[in-house]
Amino acid sequence: MTPPPYGQQPYGQPAPAANDKTTLWGVLGIVFALCCTPLGIVFAILSLLEAKKAGKQPTLAYVAFGLVAVGIVLNIIGFASGWYDFSASTAP
C-alpha cells in the first residue's frame, strides 16, 4: 500500500484535534472582560503570549484588552459622577 500524498490523512484515520489555545484564551478574555475585569486581563495576556508563541495574529487578545479598558473607563466615570449610590442600604 502506498502512503497518502503529503499533507493528507491516511484513509480511515481521523484528523488530529486542533490545539488552538490562542482562540480559547482570547474568547475567555472577551467573556470575562465583560463580567470580571481581572480575569479578562489574565486571559487576554495568555492569549497574547500564546499568539506570539504560535506566530498567529493576536486579534482576540486586543479585543479583550479594549473591552477591559472601556469597562474600566466607564466604571471610573460612573464612580466620579455618582451613578453608583452606596448610601441606600437595605439593612435595618
PDB file of N, CA and C in Angstrom:
ATOM      1  N   MET A   1       0.856  -1.177   0.000  1.00  0.00           N
ATOM      2  CA  MET A   1       0.000   0.000   0.000  1.00  0.00           C
ATOM      3  C   MET A   1       0.896   1.233   0.000  1.00  0.00           C
ATOM      4  N   THR A   2       0.618   2.168  -0.872  1.00  0.00           N
ATOM      5  CA  THR A   2       1.422   3.380  -0.953  1.00  0.00           C
ATOM      6  C   THR A   2       0.930   4.390   0.083  1.00  0.00           C
ATOM      7  N   PRO A   3       1.835   5.161   0.620  1.00  0.00           N
ATOM      8  CA  PRO A   3       1.414   6.173   1.593  1.00  0.00           C
ATOM      9  C   PRO A   3       0.621   7.276   0.898  1.00  0.00           C
ATOM     10  N   PRO A   4      -0.225   7.977   1.662  1.00  0.00           N
ATOM     11  CA  PRO A   4      -1.017   9.065   1.063  1.00  0.00           C
ATOM     12  C   PRO A   4      -0.106  10.220   0.662  1.00  0.00           C
ATOM     13  N   PRO A   5      -0.562  11.068  -0.239  1.00  0.00           N
ATOM     14  CA  PRO A   5       0.232  12.248  -0.616  1.00  0.00           C
ATOM     15  C   PRO A   5       0.510  13.130   0.603  1.00  0.00           C
ATOM     16  N   TYR A   6       1.553  13.927   0.482  1.00  0.00           N
ATOM     17  CA  TYR A   6       1.971  14.794   1.575  1.00  0.00           C
ATOM     18  C   TYR A   6       0.829  15.714   2.010  1.00  0.00           C
ATOM     19  N   GLY A   7       0.575  15.780   3.307  1.00  0.00           N
ATOM     20  CA  GLY A   7      -0.435  16.667   3.868  1.00  0.00           C
ATOM     21  C   GLY A   7      -1.818  16.057   3.976  1.00  0.00           C
ATOM     22  N   GLN A   8      -2.011  14.831   3.510  1.00  0.00           N
ATOM     23  CA  GLN A   8      -3.315  14.187   3.601  1.00  0.00           C
ATOM     24  C   GLN A   8      -3.268  13.071   4.628  1.00  0.00           C
ATOM     25  N   GLN A   9      -4.399  12.847   5.272  1.00  0.00           N
ATOM     26  CA  GLN A   9      -4.509  11.782   6.265  1.00  0.00           C
ATOM     27  C   GLN A   9      -4.741  10.446   5.566  1.00  0.00           C
ATOM     28  N   PRO A  10      -4.165   9.381   6.097  1.00  0.00           N
ATOM     29  CA  PRO A  10      -4.468   8.059   5.543  1.00  0.00           C
ATOM     30  C   PRO A  10      -5.961   7.760   5.683  1.00  0.00           C
ATOM     31  N   TYR A  11      -6.460   6.958   4.740  1.00  0.00           N
ATOM     32  CA  TYR A  11      -7.877   6.624   4.735  1.00  0.00           C
ATOM     33  C   TYR A  11      -8.250   5.897   6.020  1.00  0.00           C
ATOM     34  N   GLY A  12      -9.356   6.295   6.635  1.00  0.00           N
ATOM     35  CA  GLY A  12      -9.854   5.617   7.824  1.00  0.00           C
ATOM     36  C   GLY A  12      -9.332   6.187   9.130  1.00  0.00           C
ATOM     37  N   GLN A  13      -8.410   7.133   9.070  1.00  0.00           N
ATOM     38  CA  GLN A  13      -7.890   7.728  10.301  1.00  0.00           C
ATOM     39  C   GLN A  13      -8.398   9.158  10.425  1.00  0.00           C
ATOM     40  N   PRO A  14      -8.927   9.494  11.594  1.00  0.00           N
ATOM     41  CA  PRO A  14      -9.416  10.868  11.763  1.00  0.00           C
ATOM     42  C   PRO A  14      -8.255  11.852  11.851  1.00  0.00           C
ATOM     43  N   ALA A  15      -8.545  13.086  11.476  1.00  0.00           N
ATOM     44  CA  ALA A  15      -7.545  14.140  11.576  1.00  0.00           C
ATOM     45  C   ALA A  15      -7.284  14.439  13.049  1.00  0.00           C
ATOM     46  N   PRO A  16      -6.059  14.783  13.419  1.00  0.00           N
ATOM     47  CA  PRO A  16      -5.790  15.107  14.820  1.00  0.00           C
ATOM     48  C   PRO A  16      -6.540  16.358  15.249  1.00  0.00           C
ATOM     49  N   ALA A  17      -6.933  16.382  16.492  1.00  0.00           N
ATOM     50  CA  ALA A  17      -7.676  17.530  17.025  1.00  0.00           C
ATOM     51  C   ALA A  17      -6.771  18.750  17.073  1.00  0.00           C
ATOM     52  N   ALA A  18      -7.325  19.889  16.710  1.00  0.00           N
ATOM     53  CA  ALA A  18      -6.559  21.130  16.750  1.00  0.00           C
ATOM     54  C   ALA A  18      -6.405  21.589  18.194  1.00  0.00           C
ATOM     55  N   ASN A  19      -5.243  22.090  18.497  1.00  0.00           N
ATOM     56  CA  ASN A  19      -4.959  22.586  19.843  1.00  0.00           C
ATOM     57  C   ASN A  19      -4.739  24.085  19.730  1.00  0.00           C
ATOM     58  N   ASP A  20      -5.823  24.833  19.679  1.00  0.00           N
ATOM     59  CA  ASP A  20      -5.751  26.264  19.449  1.00  0.00           C
ATOM     60  C   ASP A  20      -6.010  27.020  20.744  1.00  0.00           C
ATOM     61  N   LYS A  21      -4.980  27.192  21.519  1.00  0.00           N
ATOM     62  CA  LYS A  21      -5.127  27.892  22.795  1.00  0.00           C
ATOM     63  C   LYS A  21      -5.266  29.398  22.610  1.00  0.00           C
ATOM     64  N   THR A  22      -4.770  29.901  21.492  1.00  0.00           N
ATOM     65  CA  THR A  22      -4.882  31.343  21.250  1.00  0.00           C
ATOM     66  C   THR A  22      -6.346  31.768  21.196  1.00  0.00           C
ATOM     67  N   THR A  23      -7.138  31.025  20.447  1.00  0.00           N
ATOM     68  CA  THR A  23      -8.560  31.340  20.341  1.00  0.00           C
ATOM     69  C   THR A  23      -9.270  31.115  21.667  1.00  0.00           C
ATOM     70  N   LEU A  24      -8.938  30.033  22.343  1.00  0.00           N
ATOM     71  CA  LEU A  24      -9.566  29.740  23.637  1.00  0.00           C
ATOM     72  C   LEU A  24      -9.316  30.870  24.620  1.00  0.00           C
ATOM     73  N   TRP A  25      -8.054  31.256  24.793  1.00  0.00           N
ATOM     74  CA  TRP A  25      -7.742  32.321  25.758  1.00  0.00           C
ATOM     75  C   TRP A  25      -8.362  33.638  25.318  1.00  0.00           C
ATOM     76  N   GLY A  26      -8.379  33.909  24.014  1.00  0.00           N
ATOM     77  CA  GLY A  26      -8.964  35.150  23.521  1.00  0.00           C
ATOM     78  C   GLY A  26     -10.454  35.248  23.789  1.00  0.00           C
ATOM     79  N   VAL A  27     -11.169  34.161  23.520  1.00  0.00           N
ATOM     80  CA  VAL A  27     -12.614  34.163  23.765  1.00  0.00           C
ATOM     81  C   VAL A  27     -12.894  34.280  25.262  1.00  0.00           C
ATOM     82  N   LEU A  28     -12.138  33.551  26.068  1.00  0.00           N
ATOM     83  CA  LEU A  28     -12.319  33.670  27.525  1.00  0.00           C
ATOM     84  C   LEU A  28     -11.986  35.085  28.001  1.00  0.00           C
ATOM     85  N   GLY A  29     -10.980  35.701  27.403  1.00  0.00           N
ATOM     86  CA  GLY A  29     -10.645  37.079  27.755  1.00  0.00           C
ATOM     87  C   GLY A  29     -11.774  38.041  27.449  1.00  0.00           C
ATOM     88  N   ILE A  30     -12.424  37.846  26.298  1.00  0.00           N
ATOM     89  CA  ILE A  30     -13.547  38.712  25.928  1.00  0.00           C
ATOM     90  C   ILE A  30     -14.729  38.499  26.863  1.00  0.00           C
ATOM     91  N   VAL A  31     -15.041  37.242  27.152  1.00  0.00           N
ATOM     92  CA  VAL A  31     -16.179  36.946  28.031  1.00  0.00           C
ATOM     93  C   VAL A  31     -15.943  37.511  29.423  1.00  0.00           C
ATOM     94  N   PHE A  32     -14.764  37.278  29.977  1.00  0.00           N
ATOM     95  CA  PHE A  32     -14.501  37.753  31.333  1.00  0.00           C
ATOM     96  C   PHE A  32     -14.229  39.248  31.383  1.00  0.00           C
ATOM     97  N   ALA A  33     -13.877  39.865  30.274  1.00  0.00           N
ATOM     98  CA  ALA A  33     -13.734  41.328  30.249  1.00  0.00           C
ATOM     99  C   ALA A  33     -15.075  41.997  30.498  1.00  0.00           C
ATOM    100  N   LEU A  34     -16.154  41.315  30.127  1.00  0.00           N
ATOM    101  CA  LEU A  34     -17.487  41.879  30.303  1.00  0.00           C
ATOM    102  C   LEU A  34     -18.024  41.707  31.716  1.00  0.00           C
ATOM    103  N   CYS A  35     -17.541  40.695  32.450  1.00  0.00           N
ATOM    104  CA  CYS A  35     -18.134  40.440  33.761  1.00  0.00           C
ATOM    105  C   CYS A  35     -17.121  40.443  34.904  1.00  0.00           C
ATOM    106  N   CYS A  36     -15.869  40.140  34.638  1.00  0.00           N
ATOM    107  CA  CYS A  36     -14.866  40.065  35.699  1.00  0.00           C
ATOM    108  C   CYS A  36     -13.537  40.579  35.137  1.00  0.00           C
ATOM    109  N   THR A  37     -13.290  41.848  35.309  1.00  0.00           N
ATOM    110  CA  THR A  37     -12.168  42.519  34.670  1.00  0.00           C
ATOM    111  C   THR A  37     -10.806  41.872  34.950  1.00  0.00           C
ATOM    112  N   PRO A  38     -10.473  41.512  36.189  1.00  0.00           N
ATOM    113  CA  PRO A  38      -9.154  40.912  36.410  1.00  0.00           C
ATOM    114  C   PRO A  38      -8.943  39.608  35.630  1.00  0.00           C
ATOM    115  N   LEU A  39      -9.967  38.777  35.544  1.00  0.00           N
ATOM    116  CA  LEU A  39      -9.833  37.549  34.759  1.00  0.00           C
ATOM    117  C   LEU A  39      -9.751  37.861  33.268  1.00  0.00           C
ATOM    118  N   GLY A  40     -10.442  38.882  32.824  1.00  0.00           N
ATOM    119  CA  GLY A  40     -10.345  39.295  31.431  1.00  0.00           C
ATOM    120  C   GLY A  40      -8.930  39.710  31.063  1.00  0.00           C
ATOM    121  N   ILE A  41      -8.272  40.426  31.978  1.00  0.00           N
ATOM    122  CA  ILE A  41      -6.889  40.837  31.747  1.00  0.00           C
ATOM    123  C   ILE A  41      -5.975  39.619  31.695  1.00  0.00           C
ATOM    124  N   VAL A  42      -6.155  38.683  32.617  1.00  0.00           N
ATOM    125  CA  VAL A  42      -5.313  37.484  32.662  1.00  0.00           C
ATOM    126  C   VAL A  42      -5.457  36.671  31.380  1.00  0.00           C
ATOM    127  N   PHE A  43      -6.690  36.432  30.952  1.00  0.00           N
ATOM    128  CA  PHE A  43      -6.892  35.628  29.749  1.00  0.00           C
ATOM    129  C   PHE A  43      -6.440  36.371  28.491  1.00  0.00           C
ATOM    130  N   ALA A  44      -6.553  37.679  28.465  1.00  0.00           N
ATOM    131  CA  ALA A  44      -6.061  38.444  27.323  1.00  0.00           C
ATOM    132  C   ALA A  44      -4.537  38.349  27.235  1.00  0.00           C
ATOM    133  N   ILE A  45      -3.869  38.404  28.372  1.00  0.00           N
ATOM    134  CA  ILE A  45      -2.411  38.261  28.386  1.00  0.00           C
ATOM    135  C   ILE A  45      -2.020  36.861  27.925  1.00  0.00           C
ATOM    136  N   LEU A  46      -2.732  35.836  28.416  1.00  0.00           N
ATOM    137  CA  LEU A  46      -2.435  34.469  27.979  1.00  0.00           C
ATOM    138  C   LEU A  46      -2.643  34.321  26.472  1.00  0.00           C
ATOM    139  N   SER A  47      -3.689  34.922  25.940  1.00  0.00           N
ATOM    140  CA  SER A  47      -3.942  34.855  24.506  1.00  0.00           C
ATOM    141  C   SER A  47      -2.843  35.557  23.724  1.00  0.00           C
ATOM    142  N   LEU A  48      -2.409  36.697  24.207  1.00  0.00           N
ATOM    143  CA  LEU A  48      -1.342  37.444  23.534  1.00  0.00           C
ATOM    144  C   LEU A  48      -0.038  36.649  23.521  1.00  0.00           C
ATOM    145  N   LEU A  49       0.314  36.062  24.654  1.00  0.00           N
ATOM    146  CA  LEU A  49       1.550  35.275  24.732  1.00  0.00           C
ATOM    147  C   LEU A  49       1.478  34.034  23.850  1.00  0.00           C
ATOM    148  N   GLU A  50       0.336  33.367  23.847  1.00  0.00           N
ATOM    149  CA  GLU A  50       0.181  32.160  23.032  1.00  0.00           C
ATOM    150  C   GLU A  50       0.208  32.506  21.543  1.00  0.00           C
ATOM    151  N   ALA A  51      -0.376  33.635  21.167  1.00  0.00           N
ATOM    152  CA  ALA A  51      -0.367  34.050  19.763  1.00  0.00           C
ATOM    153  C   ALA A  51       1.054  34.345  19.301  1.00  0.00           C
ATOM    154  N   LYS A  52       1.828  35.003  20.140  1.00  0.00           N
ATOM    155  CA  LYS A  52       3.213  35.300  19.775  1.00  0.00           C
ATOM    156  C   LYS A  52       4.040  34.026  19.674  1.00  0.00           C
ATOM    157  N   LYS A  53       3.767  33.071  20.568  1.00  0.00           N
ATOM    158  CA  LYS A  53       4.497  31.810  20.547  1.00  0.00           C
ATOM    159  C   LYS A  53       4.149  30.996  19.303  1.00  0.00           C
ATOM    160  N   ALA A  54       2.867  31.010  18.907  1.00  0.00           N
ATOM    161  CA  ALA A  54       2.411  30.217  17.761  1.00  0.00           C
ATOM    162  C   ALA A  54       2.549  30.979  16.444  1.00  0.00           C
ATOM    163  N   GLY A  55       2.896  32.246  16.489  1.00  0.00           N
ATOM    164  CA  GLY A  55       3.025  33.032  15.266  1.00  0.00           C
ATOM    165  C   GLY A  55       1.699  33.407  14.642  1.00  0.00           C
ATOM    166  N   LYS A  56       0.656  33.551  15.461  1.00  0.00           N
ATOM    167  CA  LYS A  56      -0.677  33.914  14.973  1.00  0.00           C
ATOM    168  C   LYS A  56      -0.955  35.378  15.263  1.00  0.00           C
ATOM    169  N   GLN A  57      -2.046  35.864  14.682  1.00  0.00           N
ATOM    170  CA  GLN A  57      -2.480  37.235  14.928  1.00  0.00           C
ATOM    171  C   GLN A  57      -3.191  37.295  16.288  1.00  0.00           C
ATOM    172  N   PRO A  58      -2.818  38.230  17.154  1.00  0.00           N
ATOM    173  CA  PRO A  58      -3.443  38.324  18.486  1.00  0.00           C
ATOM    174  C   PRO A  58      -4.684  39.203  18.506  1.00  0.00           C
ATOM    175  N   THR A  59      -5.548  39.070  17.514  1.00  0.00           N
ATOM    176  CA  THR A  59      -6.718  39.938  17.390  1.00  0.00           C
ATOM    177  C   THR A  59      -7.659  39.816  18.585  1.00  0.00           C
ATOM    178  N   LEU A  60      -7.956  38.585  19.009  1.00  0.00           N
ATOM    179  CA  LEU A  60      -8.880  38.398  20.133  1.00  0.00           C
ATOM    180  C   LEU A  60      -8.297  38.962  21.430  1.00  0.00           C
ATOM    181  N   ALA A  61      -6.997  38.878  21.593  1.00  0.00           N
ATOM    182  CA  ALA A  61      -6.363  39.464  22.781  1.00  0.00           C
ATOM    183  C   ALA A  61      -6.546  40.981  22.777  1.00  0.00           C
ATOM    184  N   TYR A  62      -6.374  41.604  21.606  1.00  0.00           N
ATOM    185  CA  TYR A  62      -6.543  43.048  21.519  1.00  0.00           C
ATOM    186  C   TYR A  62      -7.991  43.460  21.776  1.00  0.00           C
ATOM    187  N   VAL A  63      -8.935  42.656  21.296  1.00  0.00           N
ATOM    188  CA  VAL A  63     -10.354  42.943  21.559  1.00  0.00           C
ATOM    189  C   VAL A  63     -10.634  42.854  23.053  1.00  0.00           C
ATOM    190  N   ALA A  64     -10.087  41.822  23.710  1.00  0.00           N
ATOM    191  CA  ALA A  64     -10.291  41.671  25.154  1.00  0.00           C
ATOM    192  C   ALA A  64      -9.674  42.847  25.912  1.00  0.00           C
ATOM    193  N   PHE A  65      -8.467  43.259  25.523  1.00  0.00           N
ATOM    194  CA  PHE A  65      -7.844  44.416  26.171  1.00  0.00           C
ATOM    195  C   PHE A  65      -8.686  45.677  25.963  1.00  0.00           C
ATOM    196  N   GLY A  66      -9.232  45.839  24.774  1.00  0.00           N
ATOM    197  CA  GLY A  66     -10.075  47.003  24.501  1.00  0.00           C
ATOM    198  C   GLY A  66     -11.328  47.017  25.356  1.00  0.00           C
ATOM    199  N   LEU A  67     -11.984  45.864  25.482  1.00  0.00           N
ATOM    200  CA  LEU A  67     -13.188  45.792  26.320  1.00  0.00           C
ATOM    201  C   LEU A  67     -12.867  46.043  27.787  1.00  0.00           C
ATOM    202  N   VAL A  68     -11.735  45.534  28.243  1.00  0.00           N
ATOM    203  CA  VAL A  68     -11.324  45.786  29.633  1.00  0.00           C
ATOM    204  C   VAL A  68     -11.101  47.283  29.836  1.00  0.00           C
ATOM    205  N   ALA A  69     -10.426  47.926  28.887  1.00  0.00           N
ATOM    206  CA  ALA A  69     -10.155  49.363  29.013  1.00  0.00           C
ATOM    207  C   ALA A  69     -11.452  50.173  29.012  1.00  0.00           C
ATOM    208  N   VAL A  70     -12.376  49.832  28.121  1.00  0.00           N
ATOM    209  CA  VAL A  70     -13.659  50.545  28.082  1.00  0.00           C
ATOM    210  C   VAL A  70     -14.413  50.341  29.391  1.00  0.00           C
ATOM    211  N   GLY A  71     -14.413  49.131  29.923  1.00  0.00           N
ATOM    212  CA  GLY A  71     -15.085  48.861  31.189  1.00  0.00           C
ATOM    213  C   GLY A  71     -14.495  49.640  32.344  1.00  0.00           C
ATOM    214  N   ILE A  72     -13.168  49.721  32.386  1.00  0.00           N
ATOM    215  CA  ILE A  72     -12.514  50.475  33.458  1.00  0.00           C
ATOM    216  C   ILE A  72     -12.849  51.960  33.348  1.00  0.00           C
ATOM    217  N   VAL A  73     -12.804  52.505  32.134  1.00  0.00           N
ATOM    218  CA  VAL A  73     -13.123  53.925  31.947  1.00  0.00           C
ATOM    219  C   VAL A  73     -14.573  54.204  32.336  1.00  0.00           C
ATOM    220  N   LEU A  74     -15.491  53.330  31.925  1.00  0.00           N
ATOM    221  CA  LEU A  74     -16.897  53.525  32.301  1.00  0.00           C
ATOM    222  C   LEU A  74     -17.096  53.448  33.813  1.00  0.00           C
ATOM    223  N   ASN A  75     -16.394  52.550  34.479  1.00  0.00           N
ATOM    224  CA  ASN A  75     -16.503  52.475  35.934  1.00  0.00           C
ATOM    225  C   ASN A  75     -15.934  53.720  36.606  1.00  0.00           C
ATOM    226  N   ILE A  76     -14.841  54.232  36.114  1.00  0.00           N
ATOM    227  CA  ILE A  76     -14.275  55.464  36.683  1.00  0.00           C
ATOM    228  C   ILE A  76     -15.260  56.623  36.510  1.00  0.00           C
ATOM    229  N   ILE A  77     -15.827  56.738  35.301  1.00  0.00           N
ATOM    230  CA  ILE A  77     -16.817  57.796  35.060  1.00  0.00           C
ATOM    231  C   ILE A  77     -18.039  57.595  35.959  1.00  0.00           C
ATOM    232  N   GLY A  78     -18.467  56.351  36.111  1.00  0.00           N
ATOM    233  CA  GLY A  78     -19.626  56.062  36.950  1.00  0.00           C
ATOM    234  C   GLY A  78     -19.407  56.424  38.403  1.00  0.00           C
ATOM    235  N   PHE A  79     -18.243  56.083  38.936  1.00  0.00           N
ATOM    236  CA  PHE A  79     -17.953  56.432  40.329  1.00  0.00           C
ATOM    237  C   PHE A  79     -17.814  57.936  40.497  1.00  0.00           C
ATOM    238  N   ALA A  80     -17.172  58.603  39.544  1.00  0.00           N
ATOM    239  CA  ALA A  80     -16.959  60.047  39.659  1.00  0.00           C
ATOM    240  C   ALA A  80     -18.257  60.832  39.533  1.00  0.00           C
ATOM    241  N   SER A  81     -19.193  60.351  38.731  1.00  0.00           N
ATOM    242  CA  SER A  81     -20.423  61.112  38.522  1.00  0.00           C
ATOM    243  C   SER A  81     -21.570  60.671  39.417  1.00  0.00           C
ATOM    244  N   GLY A  82     -21.350  59.670  40.236  1.00  0.00           N
ATOM    245  CA  GLY A  82     -22.364  59.264  41.200  1.00  0.00           C
ATOM    246  C   GLY A  82     -23.397  58.291  40.667  1.00  0.00           C
ATOM    247  N   TRP A  83     -23.070  57.538  39.635  1.00  0.00           N
ATOM    248  CA  TRP A  83     -24.010  56.523  39.137  1.00  0.00           C
ATOM    249  C   TRP A  83     -24.251  55.447  40.171  1.00  0.00           C
ATOM    250  N   TYR A  84     -23.253  55.203  40.967  1.00  0.00           N
ATOM    251  CA  TYR A  84     -23.352  54.154  41.998  1.00  0.00           C
ATOM    252  C   TYR A  84     -23.728  54.820  43.315  1.00  0.00           C
ATOM    253  N   ASP A  85     -24.847  54.428  43.877  1.00  0.00           N
ATOM    254  CA  ASP A  85     -25.330  55.027  45.108  1.00  0.00           C
ATOM    255  C   ASP A  85     -25.117  54.021  46.244  1.00  0.00           C
ATOM    256  N   PHE A  86     -24.121  54.315  47.087  1.00  0.00           N
ATOM    257  CA  PHE A  86     -23.808  53.426  48.188  1.00  0.00           C
ATOM    258  C   PHE A  86     -24.500  53.834  49.481  1.00  0.00           C
ATOM    259  N   SER A  87     -25.220  54.950  49.462  1.00  0.00           N
ATOM    260  CA  SER A  87     -25.887  55.411  50.675  1.00  0.00           C
ATOM    261  C   SER A  87     -27.170  54.652  50.947  1.00  0.00           C
ATOM    262  N   ALA A  88     -27.792  54.127  49.930  1.00  0.00           N
ATOM    263  CA  ALA A  88     -29.036  53.365  50.105  1.00  0.00           C
ATOM    264  C   ALA A  88     -28.692  51.970  50.587  1.00  0.00           C
ATOM    265  N   SER A  89     -29.119  51.669  51.792  1.00  0.00           N
ATOM    266  CA  SER A  89     -28.808  50.385  52.381  1.00  0.00           C
ATOM    267  C   SER A  89     -30.104  49.622  52.641  1.00  0.00           C
ATOM    268  N   THR A  90     -30.087  48.321  52.395  1.00  0.00           N
ATOM    269  CA  THR A  90     -31.276  47.514  52.659  1.00  0.00           C
ATOM    270  C   THR A  90     -31.244  46.916  54.057  1.00  0.00           C
ATOM    271  N   ALA A  91     -30.144  47.073  54.750  1.00  0.00           N
ATOM    272  CA  ALA A  91     -30.045  46.534  56.121  1.00  0.00           C
ATOM    273  C   ALA A  91     -30.807  47.445  57.077  1.00  0.00           C
ATOM    274  N   PRO A  92     -31.440  46.874  58.095  1.00  0.00           N
ATOM    275  CA  PRO A  92     -32.196  47.698  59.048  1.00  0.00           C
ATOM    276  C   PRO A  92     -31.321  48.522  59.963  1.00  0.00           C
TER     277      PRO A  92
END
